[in-house]
Amino acid sequence: MAATTKPQTTPRQGCEFLTDKQSADRYGVHKATIHRWVKEGNFPKSIKLGSNCTRWKLSDLEAWEKSQQEAC
């Protein structure tokens, strides 16, 4: 039986996704805070990739960070 290998894939520029935990870790807050910020309209909206799979696009988070810096 021949060994199978998984094709190497790399994320396309601007297409990396973060979980709520990864997003929370990025900003030093609890993941519940991330969800609260979204509800309040103070954070980028998440993308639903499946019934139990919610993610944030890294490019959206980076754009939000830039807007927060400009607001100061």
Protein backbone atom coordinates (compact mmCIF):
# COMPACT_ATOMS: atom_id res chain seq x y z
CA MET A 1 0.00 0.00 0.00
CA ALA A 2 1.45 3.37 -0.99
CA ALA A 3 1.87 6.07 1.60
CA THR A 4 -0.35 9.06 1.09
CA THR A 5 0.72 12.57 1.82
CA LYS A 6 -1.41 15.55 2.60
CA PRO A 7 -0.96 18.41 0.16
CA GLN A 8 0.84 21.38 1.66
CA THR A 9 -1.41 24.40 1.81
CA THR A 10 -0.66 27.87 3.03
CA PRO A 11 -3.27 30.46 3.91
CA ARG A 12 -3.85 33.08 1.25
CA GLN A 13 -2.93 36.61 2.16
CA GLY A 14 -5.77 38.03 4.30
CA CYS A 15 -7.59 34.71 4.65
CA GLU A 16 -6.34 33.54 8.02
CA PHE A 17 -9.06 32.94 10.61
CA LEU A 18 -8.92 33.17 14.42
CA THR A 19 -11.16 31.54 17.02
CA ASP A 20 -12.78 33.51 19.82
CA LYS A 21 -10.05 32.25 22.17
CA GLN A 22 -7.28 33.30 19.79
CA SER A 23 -8.92 36.70 19.33
CA ALA A 24 -9.30 37.11 23.09
CA ASP A 25 -5.66 36.14 23.65
CA ARG A 26 -4.60 38.66 21.01
CA TYR A 27 -6.21 41.49 23.02
CA GLY A 28 -5.64 40.15 26.53
CA VAL A 29 -9.33 39.71 27.35
CA HIS A 30 -11.69 36.80 28.03
CA LYS A 31 -13.52 35.34 25.04
CA ALA A 32 -16.84 36.44 26.59
CA THR A 33 -15.57 40.01 26.24
CA ILE A 34 -15.04 39.46 22.51
CA HIS A 35 -18.66 38.29 22.13
CA ARG A 36 -19.92 41.24 24.20
CA TRP A 37 -17.95 43.70 22.05
CA VAL A 38 -19.51 42.16 18.93
CA LYS A 39 -23.02 42.52 20.40
CA GLU A 40 -22.27 46.15 21.30
CA GLY A 41 -20.99 46.84 17.78
CA ASN A 42 -17.47 47.59 19.05
CA PHE A 43 -15.68 44.69 17.35
CA PRO A 44 -15.67 43.13 13.86
CA LYS A 45 -18.44 40.63 13.18
CA SER A 46 -17.53 36.99 13.12
CA ILE A 47 -17.96 34.64 10.19
CA LYS A 48 -19.99 31.46 10.65
CA LEU A 49 -18.15 28.61 8.91
CA GLY A 50 -20.43 25.86 10.21
CA SER A 51 -22.99 25.09 12.89
CA ASN A 52 -20.34 25.16 15.64
CA CYS A 53 -17.58 27.06 13.87
CA THR A 54 -17.30 30.83 14.28
CA ARG A 55 -14.15 32.67 13.26
CA TRP A 56 -12.79 36.16 12.74
CA LYS A 57 -10.78 37.10 9.68
CA LEU A 58 -7.33 38.27 10.71
CA SER A 59 -7.50 41.03 8.10
CA ASP A 60 -10.74 42.33 9.71
CA LEU A 61 -9.06 42.37 13.13
CA GLU A 62 -6.02 44.18 11.77
CA ALA A 63 -8.25 46.80 10.12
CA TRP A 64 -10.14 47.22 13.41
CA GLU A 65 -6.84 47.64 15.28
CA LYS A 66 -5.79 50.35 12.83
CA SER A 67 -9.11 52.18 13.24
CA GLN A 68 -8.73 52.04 17.03
CA GLN A 69 -5.24 53.55 16.82
CA GLU A 70 -6.47 56.33 14.52
CA ALA A 71 -9.32 57.13 16.93
CA CYS A 72 -6.85 57.94 19.73
